[in-house]
Amino acid sequence: MKEERRSCSKVKPWIYFLLELTIYSSFGAVIGMLVGGHFALPAAVIVIVLALYKTKAISRLERVLERTDDVRKTKIKQRYEAHI
């Protein structure tokens, strides 16, 4: 049976999160332009916050980073198991 391939990258989840945040920011900017006036910036911020909350992007990032730490600890234990 093939062993599961797991990554230890801490940078990659942040890149995906920032790409997702860029998409939401663009969407918020479009909504802000449609609303216009004094309510443009608050409307854009509300749209971005609601998008992050609805998609659970922050909790997903935290979950991936925790799993990355677990994988890293497991790999270190396997590597130095004989020395412990």
PDB file of N, CA and C in Angstrom:
ATOM      1  N   MET A   1       0.841  -1.178   0.000  1.00  0.00           N
ATOM      2  CA  MET A   1       0.000   0.000   0.000  1.00  0.00           C
ATOM      3  C   MET A   1       0.885   1.240   0.000  1.00  0.00           C
ATOM      4  N   LYS A   2       0.465   2.215  -0.769  1.00  0.00           N
ATOM      5  CA  LYS A   2       1.250   3.423  -0.919  1.00  0.00           C
ATOM      6  C   LYS A   2       1.092   4.329   0.296  1.00  0.00           C
ATOM      7  N   GLU A   3       2.199   4.885   0.779  1.00  0.00           N
ATOM      8  CA  GLU A   3       2.181   5.749   1.947  1.00  0.00           C
ATOM      9  C   GLU A   3       1.616   7.118   1.567  1.00  0.00           C
ATOM     10  N   GLU A   4       0.833   7.687   2.468  1.00  0.00           N
ATOM     11  CA  GLU A   4       0.233   8.985   2.217  1.00  0.00           C
ATOM     12  C   GLU A   4       1.313  10.062   2.189  1.00  0.00           C
ATOM     13  N   ARG A   5       1.248  10.911   1.204  1.00  0.00           N
ATOM     14  CA  ARG A   5       2.220  11.993   1.075  1.00  0.00           C
ATOM     15  C   ARG A   5       1.670  13.223   1.772  1.00  0.00           C
ATOM     16  N   ARG A   6       2.400  13.711   2.782  1.00  0.00           N
ATOM     17  CA  ARG A   6       1.954  14.882   3.524  1.00  0.00           C
ATOM     18  C   ARG A   6       3.051  15.928   3.492  1.00  0.00           C
ATOM     19  N   SER A   7       2.634  17.154   3.373  1.00  0.00           N
ATOM     20  CA  SER A   7       3.566  18.257   3.229  1.00  0.00           C
ATOM     21  C   SER A   7       3.789  18.964   4.557  1.00  0.00           C
ATOM     22  N   CYS A   8       4.935  19.606   4.703  1.00  0.00           N
ATOM     23  CA  CYS A   8       5.254  20.358   5.910  1.00  0.00           C
ATOM     24  C   CYS A   8       5.367  21.851   5.627  1.00  0.00           C
ATOM     25  N   SER A   9       4.931  22.281   4.482  1.00  0.00           N
ATOM     26  CA  SER A   9       5.099  23.680   4.108  1.00  0.00           C
ATOM     27  C   SER A   9       4.204  24.590   4.935  1.00  0.00           C
ATOM     28  N   LYS A  10       4.806  25.629   5.495  1.00  0.00           N
ATOM     29  CA  LYS A  10       4.031  26.626   6.221  1.00  0.00           C
ATOM     30  C   LYS A  10       3.714  27.825   5.335  1.00  0.00           C
ATOM     31  N   VAL A  11       4.385  27.943   4.224  1.00  0.00           N
ATOM     32  CA  VAL A  11       4.208  29.088   3.335  1.00  0.00           C
ATOM     33  C   VAL A  11       3.011  28.887   2.413  1.00  0.00           C
ATOM     34  N   LYS A  12       2.860  27.673   1.915  1.00  0.00           N
ATOM     35  CA  LYS A  12       1.805  27.395   0.933  1.00  0.00           C
ATOM     36  C   LYS A  12       0.396  27.704   1.443  1.00  0.00           C
ATOM     37  N   PRO A  13       0.015  27.335   2.683  1.00  0.00           N
ATOM     38  CA  PRO A  13      -1.330  27.698   3.152  1.00  0.00           C
ATOM     39  C   PRO A  13      -1.541  29.207   3.237  1.00  0.00           C
ATOM     40  N   TRP A  14      -0.487  29.938   3.596  1.00  0.00           N
ATOM     41  CA  TRP A  14      -0.604  31.393   3.644  1.00  0.00           C
ATOM     42  C   TRP A  14      -0.787  31.980   2.252  1.00  0.00           C
ATOM     43  N   ILE A  15      -0.106  31.403   1.262  1.00  0.00           N
ATOM     44  CA  ILE A  15      -0.264  31.880  -0.116  1.00  0.00           C
ATOM     45  C   ILE A  15      -1.697  31.677  -0.582  1.00  0.00           C
ATOM     46  N   TYR A  16      -2.253  30.489  -0.318  1.00  0.00           N
ATOM     47  CA  TYR A  16      -3.632  30.227  -0.708  1.00  0.00           C
ATOM     48  C   TYR A  16      -4.601  31.171   0.014  1.00  0.00           C
ATOM     49  N   PHE A  17      -4.355  31.409   1.302  1.00  0.00           N
ATOM     50  CA  PHE A  17      -5.220  32.310   2.063  1.00  0.00           C
ATOM     51  C   PHE A  17      -5.138  33.731   1.500  1.00  0.00           C
ATOM     52  N   LEU A  18      -3.945  34.196   1.177  1.00  0.00           N
ATOM     53  CA  LEU A  18      -3.806  35.549   0.630  1.00  0.00           C
ATOM     54  C   LEU A  18      -4.426  35.671  -0.761  1.00  0.00           C
ATOM     55  N   LEU A  19      -4.349  34.599  -1.558  1.00  0.00           N
ATOM     56  CA  LEU A  19      -5.027  34.611  -2.855  1.00  0.00           C
ATOM     57  C   LEU A  19      -6.540  34.706  -2.678  1.00  0.00           C
ATOM     58  N   GLU A  20      -7.048  33.943  -1.722  1.00  0.00           N
ATOM     59  CA  GLU A  20      -8.477  33.985  -1.425  1.00  0.00           C
ATOM     60  C   GLU A  20      -8.885  35.369  -0.919  1.00  0.00           C
ATOM     61  N   LEU A  21      -8.058  35.959  -0.072  1.00  0.00           N
ATOM     62  CA  LEU A  21      -8.327  37.300   0.449  1.00  0.00           C
ATOM     63  C   LEU A  21      -8.293  38.348  -0.667  1.00  0.00           C
ATOM     64  N   THR A  22      -7.417  38.155  -1.641  1.00  0.00           N
ATOM     65  CA  THR A  22      -7.358  39.061  -2.787  1.00  0.00           C
ATOM     66  C   THR A  22      -8.647  39.004  -3.605  1.00  0.00           C
ATOM     67  N   ILE A  23      -9.166  37.812  -3.783  1.00  0.00           N
ATOM     68  CA  ILE A  23     -10.424  37.663  -4.516  1.00  0.00           C
ATOM     69  C   ILE A  23     -11.554  38.362  -3.777  1.00  0.00           C
ATOM     70  N   TYR A  24     -11.623  38.165  -2.462  1.00  0.00           N
ATOM     71  CA  TYR A  24     -12.669  38.814  -1.674  1.00  0.00           C
ATOM     72  C   TYR A  24     -12.500  40.325  -1.657  1.00  0.00           C
ATOM     73  N   SER A  25     -11.263  40.792  -1.632  1.00  0.00           N
ATOM     74  CA  SER A  25     -11.016  42.238  -1.653  1.00  0.00           C
ATOM     75  C   SER A  25     -11.466  42.849  -2.979  1.00  0.00           C
ATOM     76  N   SER A  26     -11.212  42.137  -4.058  1.00  0.00           N
ATOM     77  CA  SER A  26     -11.656  42.615  -5.371  1.00  0.00           C
ATOM     78  C   SER A  26     -13.177  42.680  -5.443  1.00  0.00           C
ATOM     79  N   PHE A  27     -13.804  41.643  -4.930  1.00  0.00           N
ATOM     80  CA  PHE A  27     -15.267  41.617  -4.901  1.00  0.00           C
ATOM     81  C   PHE A  27     -15.806  42.754  -4.030  1.00  0.00           C
ATOM     82  N   GLY A  28     -15.169  42.999  -2.881  1.00  0.00           N
ATOM     83  CA  GLY A  28     -15.565  44.096  -2.001  1.00  0.00           C
ATOM     84  C   GLY A  28     -15.374  45.442  -2.664  1.00  0.00           C
ATOM     85  N   ALA A  29     -14.300  45.592  -3.448  1.00  0.00           N
ATOM     86  CA  ALA A  29     -14.060  46.855  -4.155  1.00  0.00           C
ATOM     87  C   ALA A  29     -15.150  47.111  -5.195  1.00  0.00           C
ATOM     88  N   VAL A  30     -15.562  46.064  -5.886  1.00  0.00           N
ATOM     89  CA  VAL A  30     -16.641  46.217  -6.873  1.00  0.00           C
ATOM     90  C   VAL A  30     -17.940  46.616  -6.181  1.00  0.00           C
ATOM     91  N   ILE A  31     -18.248  45.976  -5.070  1.00  0.00           N
ATOM     92  CA  ILE A  31     -19.455  46.333  -4.311  1.00  0.00           C
ATOM     93  C   ILE A  31     -19.346  47.771  -3.813  1.00  0.00           C
ATOM     94  N   GLY A  32     -18.161  48.166  -3.348  1.00  0.00           N
ATOM     95  CA  GLY A  32     -17.944  49.532  -2.887  1.00  0.00           C
ATOM     96  C   GLY A  32     -18.151  50.544  -3.991  1.00  0.00           C
ATOM     97  N   MET A  33     -17.711  50.218  -5.199  1.00  0.00           N
ATOM     98  CA  MET A  33     -17.912  51.140  -6.326  1.00  0.00           C
ATOM     99  C   MET A  33     -19.385  51.224  -6.695  1.00  0.00           C
ATOM    100  N   LEU A  34     -20.103  50.111  -6.592  1.00  0.00           N
ATOM    101  CA  LEU A  34     -21.532  50.138  -6.903  1.00  0.00           C
ATOM    102  C   LEU A  34     -22.309  50.941  -5.876  1.00  0.00           C
ATOM    103  N   VAL A  35     -21.926  50.839  -4.603  1.00  0.00           N
ATOM    104  CA  VAL A  35     -22.612  51.577  -3.545  1.00  0.00           C
ATOM    105  C   VAL A  35     -22.259  53.048  -3.625  1.00  0.00           C
ATOM    106  N   GLY A  36     -20.973  53.344  -3.738  1.00  0.00           N
ATOM    107  CA  GLY A  36     -20.505  54.715  -3.874  1.00  0.00           C
ATOM    108  C   GLY A  36     -20.747  55.559  -2.627  1.00  0.00           C
ATOM    109  N   GLY A  37     -20.296  56.791  -2.693  1.00  0.00           N
ATOM    110  CA  GLY A  37     -20.524  57.743  -1.610  1.00  0.00           C
ATOM    111  C   GLY A  37     -19.732  57.411  -0.359  1.00  0.00           C
ATOM    112  N   HIS A  38     -20.288  57.798   0.774  1.00  0.00           N
ATOM    113  CA  HIS A  38     -19.633  57.616   2.064  1.00  0.00           C
ATOM    114  C   HIS A  38     -19.719  56.173   2.560  1.00  0.00           C
ATOM    115  N   PHE A  39     -20.570  55.383   1.944  1.00  0.00           N
ATOM    116  CA  PHE A  39     -20.765  54.006   2.401  1.00  0.00           C
ATOM    117  C   PHE A  39     -19.931  52.999   1.619  1.00  0.00           C
ATOM    118  N   ALA A  40     -19.072  53.474   0.716  1.00  0.00           N
ATOM    119  CA  ALA A  40     -18.304  52.560  -0.130  1.00  0.00           C
ATOM    120  C   ALA A  40     -17.312  51.736   0.677  1.00  0.00           C
ATOM    121  N   LEU A  41     -16.508  52.378   1.504  1.00  0.00           N
ATOM    122  CA  LEU A  41     -15.506  51.646   2.277  1.00  0.00           C
ATOM    123  C   LEU A  41     -16.133  50.726   3.320  1.00  0.00           C
ATOM    124  N   PRO A  42     -17.119  51.196   4.105  1.00  0.00           N
ATOM    125  CA  PRO A  42     -17.747  50.259   5.051  1.00  0.00           C
ATOM    126  C   PRO A  42     -18.429  49.076   4.349  1.00  0.00           C
ATOM    127  N   ALA A  43     -19.043  49.327   3.216  1.00  0.00           N
ATOM    128  CA  ALA A  43     -19.703  48.242   2.480  1.00  0.00           C
ATOM    129  C   ALA A  43     -18.675  47.225   1.997  1.00  0.00           C
ATOM    130  N   ALA A  44     -17.532  47.713   1.507  1.00  0.00           N
ATOM    131  CA  ALA A  44     -16.492  46.810   1.024  1.00  0.00           C
ATOM    132  C   ALA A  44     -15.925  45.972   2.175  1.00  0.00           C
ATOM    133  N   VAL A  45     -15.693  46.603   3.312  1.00  0.00           N
ATOM    134  CA  VAL A  45     -15.155  45.876   4.470  1.00  0.00           C
ATOM    135  C   VAL A  45     -16.154  44.836   4.966  1.00  0.00           C
ATOM    136  N   ILE A  46     -17.428  45.197   4.994  1.00  0.00           N
ATOM    137  CA  ILE A  46     -18.459  44.255   5.434  1.00  0.00           C
ATOM    138  C   ILE A  46     -18.526  43.050   4.496  1.00  0.00           C
ATOM    139  N   VAL A  47     -18.436  43.294   3.201  1.00  0.00           N
ATOM    140  CA  VAL A  47     -18.471  42.196   2.227  1.00  0.00           C
ATOM    141  C   VAL A  47     -17.268  41.271   2.426  1.00  0.00           C
ATOM    142  N   ILE A  48     -16.098  41.842   2.648  1.00  0.00           N
ATOM    143  CA  ILE A  48     -14.892  41.030   2.840  1.00  0.00           C
ATOM    144  C   ILE A  48     -15.000  40.198   4.114  1.00  0.00           C
ATOM    145  N   VAL A  49     -15.434  40.822   5.208  1.00  0.00           N
ATOM    146  CA  VAL A  49     -15.559  40.105   6.480  1.00  0.00           C
ATOM    147  C   VAL A  49     -16.600  38.995   6.379  1.00  0.00           C
ATOM    148  N   LEU A  50     -17.722  39.291   5.735  1.00  0.00           N
ATOM    149  CA  LEU A  50     -18.756  38.267   5.577  1.00  0.00           C
ATOM    150  C   LEU A  50     -18.277  37.108   4.696  1.00  0.00           C
ATOM    151  N   ALA A  51     -17.514  37.418   3.659  1.00  0.00           N
ATOM    152  CA  ALA A  51     -16.989  36.357   2.793  1.00  0.00           C
ATOM    153  C   ALA A  51     -16.005  35.471   3.559  1.00  0.00           C
ATOM    154  N   LEU A  52     -15.142  36.092   4.368  1.00  0.00           N
ATOM    155  CA  LEU A  52     -14.199  35.304   5.168  1.00  0.00           C
ATOM    156  C   LEU A  52     -14.934  34.443   6.187  1.00  0.00           C
ATOM    157  N   TYR A  53     -15.979  35.009   6.788  1.00  0.00           N
ATOM    158  CA  TYR A  53     -16.745  34.254   7.789  1.00  0.00           C
ATOM    159  C   TYR A  53     -17.517  33.114   7.141  1.00  0.00           C
ATOM    160  N   LYS A  54     -18.170  33.405   6.020  1.00  0.00           N
ATOM    161  CA  LYS A  54     -19.017  32.407   5.373  1.00  0.00           C
ATOM    162  C   LYS A  54     -18.204  31.230   4.821  1.00  0.00           C
ATOM    163  N   THR A  55     -17.032  31.506   4.271  1.00  0.00           N
ATOM    164  CA  THR A  55     -16.218  30.427   3.705  1.00  0.00           C
ATOM    165  C   THR A  55     -15.328  29.757   4.743  1.00  0.00           C
ATOM    166  N   LYS A  56     -15.271  30.318   5.944  1.00  0.00           N
ATOM    167  CA  LYS A  56     -14.462  29.781   7.042  1.00  0.00           C
ATOM    168  C   LYS A  56     -12.993  29.680   6.648  1.00  0.00           C
ATOM    169  N   ALA A  57     -12.512  30.689   5.942  1.00  0.00           N
ATOM    170  CA  ALA A  57     -11.138  30.694   5.442  1.00  0.00           C
ATOM    171  C   ALA A  57     -10.123  30.737   6.570  1.00  0.00           C
ATOM    172  N   ILE A  58     -10.395  31.516   7.600  1.00  0.00           N
ATOM    173  CA  ILE A  58      -9.436  31.651   8.699  1.00  0.00           C
ATOM    174  C   ILE A  58      -9.353  30.359   9.494  1.00  0.00           C
ATOM    175  N   SER A  59     -10.490  29.738   9.785  1.00  0.00           N
ATOM    176  CA  SER A  59     -10.454  28.476  10.531  1.00  0.00           C
ATOM    177  C   SER A  59      -9.798  27.371   9.705  1.00  0.00           C
ATOM    178  N   ARG A  60      -9.981  27.408   8.386  1.00  0.00           N
ATOM    179  CA  ARG A  60      -9.339  26.420   7.517  1.00  0.00           C
ATOM    180  C   ARG A  60      -7.821  26.615   7.538  1.00  0.00           C
ATOM    181  N   LEU A  61      -7.379  27.880   7.525  1.00  0.00           N
ATOM    182  CA  LEU A  61      -5.952  28.166   7.595  1.00  0.00           C
ATOM    183  C   LEU A  61      -5.365  27.664   8.910  1.00  0.00           C
ATOM    184  N   GLU A  62      -6.051  27.915  10.011  1.00  0.00           N
ATOM    185  CA  GLU A  62      -5.577  27.437  11.315  1.00  0.00           C
ATOM    186  C   GLU A  62      -5.501  25.915  11.357  1.00  0.00           C
ATOM    187  N   ARG A  63      -6.504  25.248  10.791  1.00  0.00           N
ATOM    188  CA  ARG A  63      -6.527  23.787  10.773  1.00  0.00           C
ATOM    189  C   ARG A  63      -5.355  23.228   9.957  1.00  0.00           C
ATOM    190  N   VAL A  64      -5.083  23.841   8.813  1.00  0.00           N
ATOM    191  CA  VAL A  64      -3.987  23.371   7.964  1.00  0.00           C
ATOM    192  C   VAL A  64      -2.649  23.608   8.655  1.00  0.00           C
ATOM    193  N   LEU A  65      -2.491  24.745   9.317  1.00  0.00           N
ATOM    194  CA  LEU A  65      -1.231  25.024  10.001  1.00  0.00           C
ATOM    195  C   LEU A  65      -1.017  24.083  11.193  1.00  0.00           C
ATOM    196  N   GLU A  66      -2.089  23.737  11.899  1.00  0.00           N
ATOM    197  CA  GLU A  66      -1.971  22.755  12.990  1.00  0.00           C
ATOM    198  C   GLU A  66      -1.573  21.393  12.455  1.00  0.00           C
ATOM    199  N   ARG A  67      -2.188  20.986  11.354  1.00  0.00           N
ATOM    200  CA  ARG A  67      -1.855  19.701  10.749  1.00  0.00           C
ATOM    201  C   ARG A  67      -0.407  19.701  10.267  1.00  0.00           C
ATOM    202  N   THR A  68       0.053  20.835   9.746  1.00  0.00           N
ATOM    203  CA  THR A  68       1.439  20.953   9.305  1.00  0.00           C
ATOM    204  C   THR A  68       2.397  20.772  10.475  1.00  0.00           C
ATOM    205  N   ASP A  69       2.056  21.367  11.625  1.00  0.00           N
ATOM    206  CA  ASP A  69       2.888  21.185  12.813  1.00  0.00           C
ATOM    207  C   ASP A  69       2.907  19.723  13.258  1.00  0.00           C
ATOM    208  N   ASP A  70       1.749  19.077  13.212  1.00  0.00           N
ATOM    209  CA  ASP A  70       1.681  17.657  13.589  1.00  0.00           C
ATOM    210  C   ASP A  70       2.533  16.796  12.652  1.00  0.00           C
ATOM    211  N   VAL A  71       2.451  17.076  11.366  1.00  0.00           N
ATOM    212  CA  VAL A  71       3.237  16.311  10.385  1.00  0.00           C
ATOM    213  C   VAL A  71       4.722  16.540  10.626  1.00  0.00           C
ATOM    214  N   ARG A  72       5.097  17.783  10.887  1.00  0.00           N
ATOM    215  CA  ARG A  72       6.504  18.107  11.129  1.00  0.00           C
ATOM    216  C   ARG A  72       7.018  17.378  12.379  1.00  0.00           C
ATOM    217  N   LYS A  73       6.204  17.372  13.454  1.00  0.00           N
ATOM    218  CA  LYS A  73       6.602  16.668  14.676  1.00  0.00           C
ATOM    219  C   LYS A  73       6.739  15.168  14.425  1.00  0.00           C
ATOM    220  N   THR A  74       5.807  14.603  13.660  1.00  0.00           N
ATOM    221  CA  THR A  74       5.856  13.174  13.348  1.00  0.00           C
ATOM    222  C   THR A  74       7.106  12.836  12.544  1.00  0.00           C
ATOM    223  N   LYS A  75       7.446  13.673  11.578  1.00  0.00           N
ATOM    224  CA  LYS A  75       8.642  13.420  10.765  1.00  0.00           C
ATOM    225  C   LYS A  75       9.908  13.515  11.607  1.00  0.00           C
ATOM    226  N   ILE A  76       9.951  14.470  12.526  1.00  0.00           N
ATOM    227  CA  ILE A  76      11.121  14.602  13.397  1.00  0.00           C
ATOM    228  C   ILE A  76      11.239  13.388  14.308  1.00  0.00           C
ATOM    229  N   LYS A  77      10.095  12.921  14.855  1.00  0.00           N
ATOM    230  CA  LYS A  77      10.122  11.723  15.712  1.00  0.00           C
ATOM    231  C   LYS A  77      10.603  10.509  14.931  1.00  0.00           C
ATOM    232  N   GLN A  78      10.136  10.345  13.700  1.00  0.00           N
ATOM    233  CA  GLN A  78      10.561   9.202  12.885  1.00  0.00           C
ATOM    234  C   GLN A  78      12.050   9.287  12.559  1.00  0.00           C
ATOM    235  N   ARG A  79      12.532  10.477  12.301  1.00  0.00           N
ATOM    236  CA  ARG A  79      13.925  10.639  11.925  1.00  0.00           C
ATOM    237  C   ARG A  79      14.869  10.346  13.081  1.00  0.00           C
ATOM    238  N   TYR A  80      14.483  10.808  14.273  1.00  0.00           N
ATOM    239  CA  TYR A  80      15.376  10.675  15.427  1.00  0.00           C
ATOM    240  C   TYR A  80      14.892   9.646  16.436  1.00  0.00           C
ATOM    241  N   GLU A  81      14.072   8.722  16.000  1.00  0.00           N
ATOM    242  CA  GLU A  81      13.501   7.715  16.887  1.00  0.00           C
ATOM    243  C   GLU A  81      14.583   6.843  17.539  1.00  0.00           C
ATOM    244  N   ALA A  82      15.585   6.521  16.819  1.00  0.00           N
ATOM    245  CA  ALA A  82      16.647   5.649  17.344  1.00  0.00           C
ATOM    246  C   ALA A  82      17.510   6.362  18.391  1.00  0.00           C
ATOM    247  N   HIS A  83      17.563   7.678  18.326  1.00  0.00           N
ATOM    248  CA  HIS A  83      18.401   8.449  19.235  1.00  0.00           C
ATOM    249  C   HIS A  83      17.705   8.812  20.528  1.00  0.00           C
ATOM    250  N   ILE A  84      16.417   8.640  20.568  1.00  0.00           N
ATOM    251  CA  ILE A  84      15.655   9.051  21.750  1.00  0.00           C
ATOM    252  C   ILE A  84      15.666   7.977  22.800  1.00  0.00           C
TER     253      ILE A  84
END
